[in-house]
C-alpha atoms as a PDB file:
ATOM      1  CA  MET A   1      99.710  99.048 106.682  1.00  0.00           C
ATOM      2  CA  PHE A   2     102.348  96.551 105.498  1.00  0.00           C
ATOM      3  CA  VAL A   3     102.347  96.272 101.787  1.00  0.00           C
ATOM      4  CA  CYS A   4     104.148  94.003  99.312  1.00  0.00           C
ATOM      5  CA  LYS A   5     103.744  92.727  95.798  1.00  0.00           C
ATOM      6  CA  LYS A   6     101.540  89.692  96.524  1.00  0.00           C
ATOM      7  CA  ASN A   7     100.781  89.901 100.307  1.00  0.00           C
ATOM      8  CA  SER A   8     102.020  86.371 100.572  1.00  0.00           C
ATOM      9  CA  ARG A   9     105.187  86.217 102.656  1.00  0.00           C
ATOM     10  CA  ARG A  10     107.046  89.334 104.015  1.00  0.00           C
ATOM     11  CA  SER A  11     104.006  91.536 104.595  1.00  0.00           C
ATOM     12  CA  GLN A  12     102.175  88.569 106.250  1.00  0.00           C
ATOM     13  CA  MET A  13     105.152  88.109 108.596  1.00  0.00           C
ATOM     14  CA  ALA A  14     105.094  91.774 109.464  1.00  0.00           C
ATOM     15  CA  GLU A  15     101.388  91.778 110.107  1.00  0.00           C
ATOM     16  CA  GLY A  16     101.809  88.838 112.448  1.00  0.00           C
ATOM     17  CA  PHE A  17     104.694  90.400 114.370  1.00  0.00           C
ATOM     18  CA  ALA A  18     102.919  93.746 114.695  1.00  0.00           C
ATOM     19  CA  ARG A  19      99.752  92.132 115.990  1.00  0.00           C
ATOM     20  CA  THR A  20     101.685  90.089 118.512  1.00  0.00           C
ATOM     21  CA  LEU A  21     104.395  92.562 119.573  1.00  0.00           C
ATOM     22  CA  GLY A  22     102.136  95.692 119.228  1.00  0.00           C
ATOM     23  CA  ASP A  23     100.231  94.505 122.409  1.00  0.00           C
ATOM     24  CA  SER A  24      96.859  95.449 120.839  1.00  0.00           C
ATOM     25  CA  LYS A  25      98.018  99.179 120.956  1.00  0.00           C
ATOM     26  CA  ILE A  26      98.165  99.431 117.174  1.00  0.00           C
ATOM     27  CA  ALA A  27      95.801  98.541 114.413  1.00  0.00           C
ATOM     28  CA  VAL A  28      97.525  96.677 111.648  1.00  0.00           C
ATOM     29  CA  ASN A  29      96.780  95.185 108.198  1.00  0.00           C
ATOM     30  CA  SER A  30      98.779  93.890 105.312  1.00  0.00           C
ATOM     31  CA  SER A  31      98.005  93.921 101.639  1.00  0.00           C
ATOM     32  CA  GLY A  32      99.557  93.436  98.270  1.00  0.00           C
ATOM     33  CA  LEU A  33      99.654  95.333  94.983  1.00  0.00           C
ATOM     34  CA  GLU A  34      97.727  92.232  93.977  1.00  0.00           C
ATOM     35  CA  SER A  35      96.506  89.509  96.275  1.00  0.00           C
ATOM     36  CA  SER A  36      97.443  85.843  96.043  1.00  0.00           C
ATOM     37  CA  PHE A  37      97.747  83.428  98.984  1.00  0.00           C
ATOM     38  CA  VAL A  38      99.534  83.153 102.307  1.00  0.00           C
ATOM     39  CA  ASP A  39     102.589  81.000 101.616  1.00  0.00           C
ATOM     40  CA  PRO A  40     102.420  77.806 103.736  1.00  0.00           C
ATOM     41  CA  THR A  41     106.119  78.066 104.482  1.00  0.00           C
ATOM     42  CA  THR A  42     105.559  81.586 105.891  1.00  0.00           C
ATOM     43  CA  VAL A  43     102.834  80.117 108.185  1.00  0.00           C
ATOM     44  CA  GLN A  44     105.313  77.386 109.256  1.00  0.00           C
ATOM     45  CA  VAL A  45     108.302  79.631 110.121  1.00  0.00           C
ATOM     46  CA  MET A  46     106.063  81.937 112.092  1.00  0.00           C
ATOM     47  CA  SER A  47     104.487  79.064 114.034  1.00  0.00           C
ATOM     48  CA  GLU A  48     108.030  77.938 114.913  1.00  0.00           C
ATOM     49  CA  ILE A  49     108.362  81.047 117.055  1.00  0.00           C
ATOM     50  CA  GLY A  50     104.784  80.848 118.471  1.00  0.00           C
ATOM     51  CA  ILE A  51     102.992  83.227 116.131  1.00  0.00           C
ATOM     52  CA  ASP A  52      99.960  81.779 114.344  1.00  0.00           C
ATOM     53  CA  ILE A  53      99.178  83.601 111.118  1.00  0.00           C
ATOM     54  CA  SER A  54      97.165  80.732 109.667  1.00  0.00           C
ATOM     55  CA  HIS A  55      94.001  82.879 109.863  1.00  0.00           C
ATOM     56  CA  GLN A  56      95.496  85.721 107.835  1.00  0.00           C
ATOM     57  CA  THR A  57      94.467  86.113 104.194  1.00  0.00           C
ATOM     58  CA  SER A  58      96.024  87.881 101.193  1.00  0.00           C
ATOM     59  CA  LYS A  59      94.252  91.089 100.448  1.00  0.00           C
ATOM     60  CA  PRO A  60      94.692  93.587  97.616  1.00  0.00           C
ATOM     61  CA  LEU A  61      95.723  97.195  98.529  1.00  0.00           C
ATOM     62  CA  ASN A  62      92.754  98.598  96.668  1.00  0.00           C
ATOM     63  CA  ASN A  63      90.484  97.080  99.425  1.00  0.00           C
ATOM     64  CA  PHE A  64      91.783  99.799 101.781  1.00  0.00           C
ATOM     65  CA  LYS A  65      91.860 103.609 102.008  1.00  0.00           C
ATOM     66  CA  ALA A  66      95.174 105.337 102.547  1.00  0.00           C
ATOM     67  CA  GLU A  67      93.635 107.977 104.868  1.00  0.00           C
ATOM     68  CA  ASP A  68      92.840 105.204 107.342  1.00  0.00           C
ATOM     69  CA  TYR A  69      96.604 104.644 108.015  1.00  0.00           C
ATOM     70  CA  ASP A  70      99.278 106.771 109.687  1.00  0.00           C
ATOM     71  CA  ALA A  71     102.132 104.396 108.705  1.00  0.00           C
ATOM     72  CA  VAL A  72     102.808 102.526 105.481  1.00  0.00           C
ATOM     73  CA  ILE A  73     105.645 100.080 105.152  1.00  0.00           C
ATOM     74  CA  SER A  74     106.640  98.561 101.858  1.00  0.00           C
ATOM     75  CA  LEU A  75     108.691  95.368 102.395  1.00  0.00           C
ATOM     76  CA  CYS A  76     109.787  94.670  98.866  1.00  0.00           C
ATOM     77  CA  GLY A  77     110.831  97.931  97.239  1.00  0.00           C
ATOM     78  CA  CYS A  78     107.346  98.320  95.746  1.00  0.00           C
ATOM     79  CA  GLY A  79     106.984 101.731  97.189  1.00  0.00           C
ATOM     80  CA  VAL A  80     107.713 103.246  93.812  1.00  0.00           C
ATOM     81  CA  ASN A  81     104.629 101.459  92.455  1.00  0.00           C
ATOM     82  CA  LEU A  82     102.313 102.640  95.200  1.00  0.00           C
ATOM     83  CA  PRO A  83      99.711 105.332  94.528  1.00  0.00           C
ATOM     84  CA  GLU A  84     100.802 108.686  95.880  1.00  0.00           C
ATOM     85  CA  GLU A  85      98.204 108.785  98.664  1.00  0.00           C
ATOM     86  CA  TRP A  86     100.006 105.828 100.222  1.00  0.00           C
ATOM     87  CA  VAL A  87     103.497 107.212 100.130  1.00  0.00           C
ATOM     88  CA  ILE A  88     102.547 110.556 101.736  1.00  0.00           C
ATOM     89  CA  ARG A  89     101.337 109.083 105.050  1.00  0.00           C
ATOM     90  CA  ASP A  90     102.860 110.340 108.326  1.00  0.00           C
ATOM     91  CA  VAL A  91     105.289 107.472 108.208  1.00  0.00           C
ATOM     92  CA  PHE A  92     106.420 105.811 104.967  1.00  0.00           C
ATOM     93  CA  GLU A  93     109.312 103.351 104.804  1.00  0.00           C
ATOM     94  CA  ASP A  94     110.465 101.004 102.027  1.00  0.00           C
ATOM     95  CA  TRP A  95     112.371  98.175 103.648  1.00  0.00           C
ATOM     96  CA  GLN A  96     113.336  96.241 100.452  1.00  0.00           C
ATOM     97  CA  LEU A  97     113.741  92.806 102.140  1.00  0.00           C
ATOM     98  CA  ASP A  98     114.587  89.698 100.084  1.00  0.00           C
ATOM     99  CA  ASP A  99     111.707  87.646  98.864  1.00  0.00           C
ATOM    100  CA  PRO A 100     112.093  84.047 100.165  1.00  0.00           C
ATOM    101  CA  GLU A 101     109.778  82.634  97.483  1.00  0.00           C
ATOM    102  CA  GLY A 102     111.107  79.342  96.231  1.00  0.00           C
ATOM    103  CA  GLN A 103     114.139  79.540  98.618  1.00  0.00           C
ATOM    104  CA  SER A 104     115.253  77.212 101.411  1.00  0.00           C
ATOM    105  CA  ILE A 105     113.566  77.139 104.801  1.00  0.00           C
ATOM    106  CA  GLU A 106     116.696  78.895 106.196  1.00  0.00           C
ATOM    107  CA  THR A 107     116.075  81.813 103.914  1.00  0.00           C
ATOM    108  CA  PHE A 108     112.494  82.063 105.131  1.00  0.00           C
ATOM    109  CA  ARG A 109     113.845  82.078 108.696  1.00  0.00           C
ATOM    110  CA  ARG A 110     116.440  84.741 107.956  1.00  0.00           C
ATOM    111  CA  VAL A 111     113.811  86.978 106.331  1.00  0.00           C
ATOM    112  CA  ARG A 112     111.405  86.347 109.219  1.00  0.00           C
ATOM    113  CA  ASP A 113     114.116  87.430 111.683  1.00  0.00           C
ATOM    114  CA  GLU A 114     114.916  90.562 109.666  1.00  0.00           C
ATOM    115  CA  VAL A 115     111.227  91.412 109.497  1.00  0.00           C
ATOM    116  CA  LYS A 116     110.901  90.955 113.268  1.00  0.00           C
ATOM    117  CA  GLU A 117     113.871  93.240 113.904  1.00  0.00           C
ATOM    118  CA  ARG A 118     112.394  96.011 111.778  1.00  0.00           C
ATOM    119  CA  VAL A 119     108.895  95.697 113.272  1.00  0.00           C
ATOM    120  CA  VAL A 120     110.245  95.939 116.764  1.00  0.00           C
ATOM    121  CA  LYS A 121     112.082  99.186 115.787  1.00  0.00           C
ATOM    122  CA  LEU A 122     108.983 100.499 114.056  1.00  0.00           C
ATOM    123  CA  ILE A 123     106.714  99.850 117.067  1.00  0.00           C
ATOM    124  CA  LYS A 124     109.280 101.558 119.331  1.00  0.00           C
ATOM    125  CA  SER A 125     109.494 104.591 117.053  1.00  0.00           C
ATOM    126  CA  LEU A 126     105.675 104.864 116.749  1.00  0.00           C
ATOM    127  CA  SER A 127     105.181 104.658 120.460  1.00  0.00           C
ATOM    128  CA  GLN A 128     107.640 107.497 120.925  1.00  0.00           C
ATOM    129  CA  SER A 129     105.802 109.762 118.444  1.00  0.00           C
END
């Protein structure tokens, strides 16, 4: 589970990368402390590298059950605001990546590339467990 404040940008990128790079070997979702919308610029920068997330939707965390997930990744430092049952999963990480909201396309691309790098490392570490 990738979780962020609004499930609009960073967590949507992470979900797209994990679905694509996880080779159907991992089940993945993303959510937000609250739901909003998938930022069109996020869809654009992901499509630039061949990943279509236009079908993804913004979902609130309370639509999911913590016990259904082995790994929970916060992308925005919101881990301190998560209910305890989410923080005590087998794997919990708080990546604290910059929010590109309202920033230039270059910032969206930088954050996208940072998300990809971390998702690649996460998939590798999960496959070694």
